[in-house]
Amino acid sequence: MFGPSPIRPIEQHMRKVHNCAKQLDPFFEAVLVQDWETALSIKKKISSIEKEADMIKRDLRLHLPTGLFLPVSRTDLLELLSAQDRIANKAEDIAGLIVSRQMIIPEVLAPVFMPFLHRCLDASKQACKAINELDELLESGFRGSEVKIVEEMIMTLDEIEHDSDDKLADIRHRIFELEKDLPAIEVVFLYKLVQWIGDLADHAQTVGGRLQILIAR
């Protein structure tokens, strides 16, 4: 019943997940100048970090006791873990798609592409910041000023995600304007790419939502 607290491993997992996602920044810097050697090297690093996150997740799932004496349910913790996991998985998918196709980002998209990516990574960073408050939440018994601090962090995360949605809409419109000048298959994969990058912010928002459920219960 009084098994080791799973809170620290969940925080550790989220830090690993965000570390995985933020590698997309140097990855796309390399992709934009078509430095495929560097891009491939960073893609391998993303895969390696994703595997490390998976090991933490697997270990936590295997050793999470059913009778934890915690003010949160086992199911809620596992749902939170799964939400975090989707960020790392998506980062690996994005890098894999780019490298396998050696996708070229049209030069005209470059000025809006990196700010869009950075905003989605901001969401992952904010989710990580909020999850790192879990141990303080536990110490406070999920009550008092600590709850208010975390709720404000989650509100900021929602604002970041909404901003990333606006940037996604803008970049989609710009791809639409390029459609007549690009091969149809390239257009399809560009739309898929920006949607997947947008998914990073969506998954980060879901992490915030799962954390909010923990607080509410």
Protein backbone atom coordinates (compact mmCIF):
# COMPACT_ATOMS: atom_id res chain seq x y z
CA MET A 1 0.00 0.00 0.00
CA PHE A 2 2.82 2.42 0.87
CA GLY A 3 4.84 1.64 -2.25
CA PRO A 4 7.40 4.01 -3.75
CA SER A 5 5.77 7.18 -5.05
CA PRO A 6 5.33 7.21 -8.85
CA ILE A 7 5.39 11.02 -8.90
CA ARG A 8 9.16 11.41 -9.41
CA PRO A 9 9.27 8.93 -12.34
CA ILE A 10 6.32 10.73 -13.99
CA GLU A 11 8.19 14.03 -13.71
CA GLN A 12 11.35 12.35 -15.01
CA HIS A 13 9.39 10.87 -17.93
CA MET A 14 7.95 14.29 -18.85
CA ARG A 15 11.40 15.90 -18.79
CA LYS A 16 12.67 13.15 -21.10
CA VAL A 17 9.66 13.59 -23.39
CA HIS A 18 10.22 17.35 -23.68
CA ASN A 19 13.95 16.80 -24.28
CA CYS A 20 12.93 14.52 -27.16
CA ALA A 21 10.56 17.10 -28.68
CA LYS A 22 12.95 20.06 -28.37
CA GLN A 23 15.52 18.27 -30.56
CA LEU A 24 13.19 19.16 -33.44
CA ASP A 25 14.51 22.74 -33.26
CA PRO A 26 18.11 21.95 -34.36
CA PHE A 27 16.72 19.14 -36.54
CA PHE A 28 14.65 21.56 -38.65
CA GLU A 29 17.46 24.13 -38.71
CA ALA A 30 19.46 21.41 -40.49
CA VAL A 31 16.53 20.39 -42.72
CA LEU A 32 15.95 23.97 -43.90
CA VAL A 33 19.52 24.14 -45.26
CA GLN A 34 19.28 20.50 -46.48
CA ASP A 35 22.10 19.34 -44.20
CA TRP A 36 20.92 15.73 -44.24
CA GLU A 37 23.94 14.37 -42.35
CA THR A 38 23.17 16.57 -39.33
CA ALA A 39 19.42 15.93 -39.67
CA LEU A 40 20.00 12.16 -39.63
CA SER A 41 22.28 12.44 -36.60
CA ILE A 42 19.63 14.43 -34.66
CA LYS A 43 16.90 12.03 -35.81
CA LYS A 44 18.92 9.17 -34.25
CA LYS A 45 19.24 11.22 -31.05
CA ILE A 46 15.45 11.76 -30.99
CA SER A 47 14.89 8.00 -31.37
CA SER A 48 17.39 7.28 -28.58
CA ILE A 49 15.72 9.74 -26.16
CA GLU A 50 12.28 8.36 -27.09
CA LYS A 51 13.52 4.85 -26.18
CA GLU A 52 14.78 6.15 -22.82
CA ALA A 53 11.35 7.70 -22.18
CA ASP A 54 9.74 4.38 -23.12
CA MET A 55 11.91 2.55 -20.59
CA ILE A 56 10.78 4.91 -17.81
CA LYS A 57 7.16 4.45 -18.93
CA ARG A 58 7.44 0.65 -19.05
CA ASP A 59 9.16 0.48 -15.66
CA LEU A 60 6.53 2.72 -14.10
CA ARG A 61 3.64 0.70 -15.57
CA LEU A 62 5.16 -2.58 -14.39
CA HIS A 63 5.89 -1.37 -10.86
CA LEU A 64 2.94 0.91 -10.19
CA PRO A 65 1.24 -0.76 -7.21
CA THR A 66 -2.53 -1.20 -7.27
CA GLY A 67 -2.86 -0.09 -3.64
CA LEU A 68 -0.96 3.18 -3.71
CA PHE A 69 -1.64 5.38 -0.72
CA LEU A 70 -1.88 8.56 -2.81
CA PRO A 71 -4.57 11.23 -3.23
CA VAL A 72 -4.69 10.30 -6.94
CA SER A 73 -5.91 7.19 -8.70
CA ARG A 74 -3.69 4.69 -10.49
CA THR A 75 -5.85 5.06 -13.64
CA ASP A 76 -5.40 8.85 -13.69
CA LEU A 77 -1.64 8.49 -13.36
CA LEU A 78 -1.52 5.97 -16.22
CA GLU A 79 -3.66 8.28 -18.40
CA LEU A 80 -1.26 11.14 -17.65
CA LEU A 81 1.71 8.95 -18.55
CA SER A 82 0.10 7.97 -21.88
CA ALA A 83 -0.60 11.63 -22.70
CA GLN A 84 3.05 12.52 -22.06
CA ASP A 85 4.20 9.55 -24.14
CA ARG A 86 2.34 10.81 -27.23
CA ILE A 87 4.56 13.92 -27.40
CA ALA A 88 7.77 11.88 -27.73
CA ASN A 89 6.15 9.46 -30.18
CA LYS A 90 5.00 12.33 -32.39
CA ALA A 91 8.44 13.97 -32.33
CA GLU A 92 9.97 10.69 -33.52
CA ASP A 93 7.30 10.33 -36.23
CA ILE A 94 8.01 13.85 -37.51
CA ALA A 95 11.77 13.29 -37.72
CA GLY A 96 11.22 9.89 -39.36
CA LEU A 97 8.88 11.32 -42.02
CA ILE A 98 11.32 14.11 -42.94
CA VAL A 99 14.42 11.92 -43.12
CA SER A 100 12.79 9.02 -44.98
CA ARG A 101 11.50 11.36 -47.72
CA GLN A 102 14.30 13.95 -47.45
CA MET A 103 11.49 16.47 -47.44
CA ILE A 104 12.32 19.98 -48.59
CA ILE A 105 10.54 22.81 -46.78
CA PRO A 106 9.75 25.43 -49.47
CA GLU A 107 11.85 28.55 -48.90
CA VAL A 108 8.76 30.77 -48.87
CA LEU A 109 7.46 28.87 -45.80
CA ALA A 110 10.69 29.25 -43.80
CA PRO A 111 9.79 32.62 -42.15
CA VAL A 112 6.56 31.18 -40.67
CA PHE A 113 7.67 27.57 -40.27
CA MET A 114 10.18 27.97 -37.42
CA PRO A 115 7.98 30.34 -35.34
CA PHE A 116 5.17 27.77 -35.69
CA LEU A 117 7.48 24.94 -34.57
CA HIS A 118 8.79 27.02 -31.66
CA ARG A 119 5.24 27.78 -30.46
CA CYS A 120 4.36 24.07 -30.46
CA LEU A 121 7.57 23.32 -28.54
CA ASP A 122 6.62 26.10 -26.09
CA ALA A 123 3.51 24.03 -25.30
CA SER A 124 5.64 20.96 -24.54
CA LYS A 125 7.94 23.10 -22.35
CA GLN A 126 4.96 24.56 -20.45
CA ALA A 127 3.48 21.08 -19.91
CA CYS A 128 6.86 19.94 -18.55
CA LYS A 129 6.96 22.95 -16.21
CA ALA A 130 3.49 22.11 -14.88
CA ILE A 131 4.26 18.39 -14.41
CA ASN A 132 7.40 19.32 -12.45
CA GLU A 133 5.06 20.77 -9.81
CA LEU A 134 3.53 17.33 -9.12
CA ASP A 135 5.69 16.58 -6.09
CA GLU A 136 4.81 19.99 -4.57
CA LEU A 137 1.13 19.28 -5.29
CA LEU A 138 1.47 15.95 -3.51
CA GLU A 139 3.13 17.57 -0.48
CA SER A 140 0.31 20.14 -0.27
CA GLY A 141 -2.29 17.37 -0.50
CA PHE A 142 -3.54 18.88 -3.78
CA ARG A 143 -4.80 21.94 -1.90
CA GLY A 144 -3.95 25.59 -1.31
CA SER A 145 -1.73 28.03 -3.20
CA GLU A 146 0.18 25.29 -5.06
CA VAL A 147 -3.03 24.27 -6.84
CA LYS A 148 -3.55 27.89 -7.94
CA ILE A 149 0.01 28.07 -9.29
CA VAL A 150 -0.47 24.90 -11.36
CA GLU A 151 -3.90 25.96 -12.61
CA GLU A 152 -2.37 29.21 -13.87
CA MET A 153 0.35 27.20 -15.64
CA ILE A 154 -2.34 25.08 -17.32
CA MET A 155 -4.21 28.25 -18.41
CA THR A 156 -0.98 29.54 -19.98
CA LEU A 157 -0.55 26.17 -21.71
CA ASP A 158 -4.06 26.49 -23.18
CA GLU A 159 -3.21 29.98 -24.47
CA ILE A 160 -0.01 28.68 -26.11
CA GLU A 161 -1.95 25.85 -27.77
CA HIS A 162 -4.57 28.29 -29.12
CA ASP A 163 -1.78 30.48 -30.50
CA SER A 164 -0.21 27.43 -32.17
CA ASP A 165 -3.61 26.68 -33.76
CA ASP A 166 -3.65 30.18 -35.27
CA LYS A 167 -0.13 29.68 -36.61
CA LEU A 168 -1.16 26.28 -38.03
CA ALA A 169 -4.10 27.88 -39.86
CA ASP A 170 -1.76 30.52 -41.32
CA ILE A 171 0.82 27.98 -42.51
CA ARG A 172 -1.91 25.79 -44.04
CA HIS A 173 -3.16 28.80 -46.01
CA ARG A 174 0.37 29.44 -47.26
CA ILE A 175 0.70 25.82 -48.38
CA PHE A 176 -2.65 26.19 -50.17
CA GLU A 177 -1.22 29.16 -52.09
CA LEU A 178 1.76 27.00 -53.14
CA GLU A 179 -0.31 24.04 -54.32
CA LYS A 180 -0.22 24.94 -58.02
CA ASP A 181 3.60 25.18 -57.97
CA LEU A 182 4.39 21.90 -56.19
CA PRO A 183 3.94 18.20 -57.01
CA ALA A 184 0.68 16.97 -55.47
CA ILE A 185 2.43 14.34 -53.32
CA GLU A 186 4.73 17.01 -51.81
CA VAL A 187 1.69 19.11 -50.93
CA VAL A 188 0.04 16.12 -49.21
CA PHE A 189 3.13 15.50 -47.08
CA LEU A 190 3.53 19.19 -46.24
CA TYR A 191 -0.02 19.28 -44.88
CA LYS A 192 0.68 16.08 -42.94
CA LEU A 193 3.93 17.52 -41.54
CA VAL A 194 2.41 20.75 -40.22
CA GLN A 195 -0.53 18.82 -38.74
CA TRP A 196 1.88 16.52 -36.89
CA ILE A 197 3.84 19.50 -35.57
CA GLY A 198 0.52 21.01 -34.42
CA ASP A 199 -0.23 17.69 -32.70
CA LEU A 200 2.76 18.30 -30.39
CA ALA A 201 0.92 21.30 -28.91
CA ASP A 202 -2.37 19.35 -28.79
CA HIS A 203 -0.73 16.47 -26.90
CA ALA A 204 0.93 18.94 -24.51
CA GLN A 205 -2.48 20.51 -23.86
CA THR A 206 -3.86 17.02 -23.15
CA VAL A 207 -1.10 16.55 -20.53
CA GLY A 208 -2.33 19.78 -18.91
CA GLY A 209 -5.90 18.48 -19.06
CA ARG A 210 -4.93 15.21 -17.37
CA LEU A 211 -3.09 17.17 -14.67
CA GLN A 212 -6.21 19.28 -14.14
CA ILE A 213 -8.23 16.10 -13.62
CA LEU A 214 -5.73 14.97 -10.94
CA ILE A 215 -6.17 18.29 -9.15
CA ALA A 216 -9.97 18.29 -9.47
CA ARG A 217 -10.34 14.82 -7.94
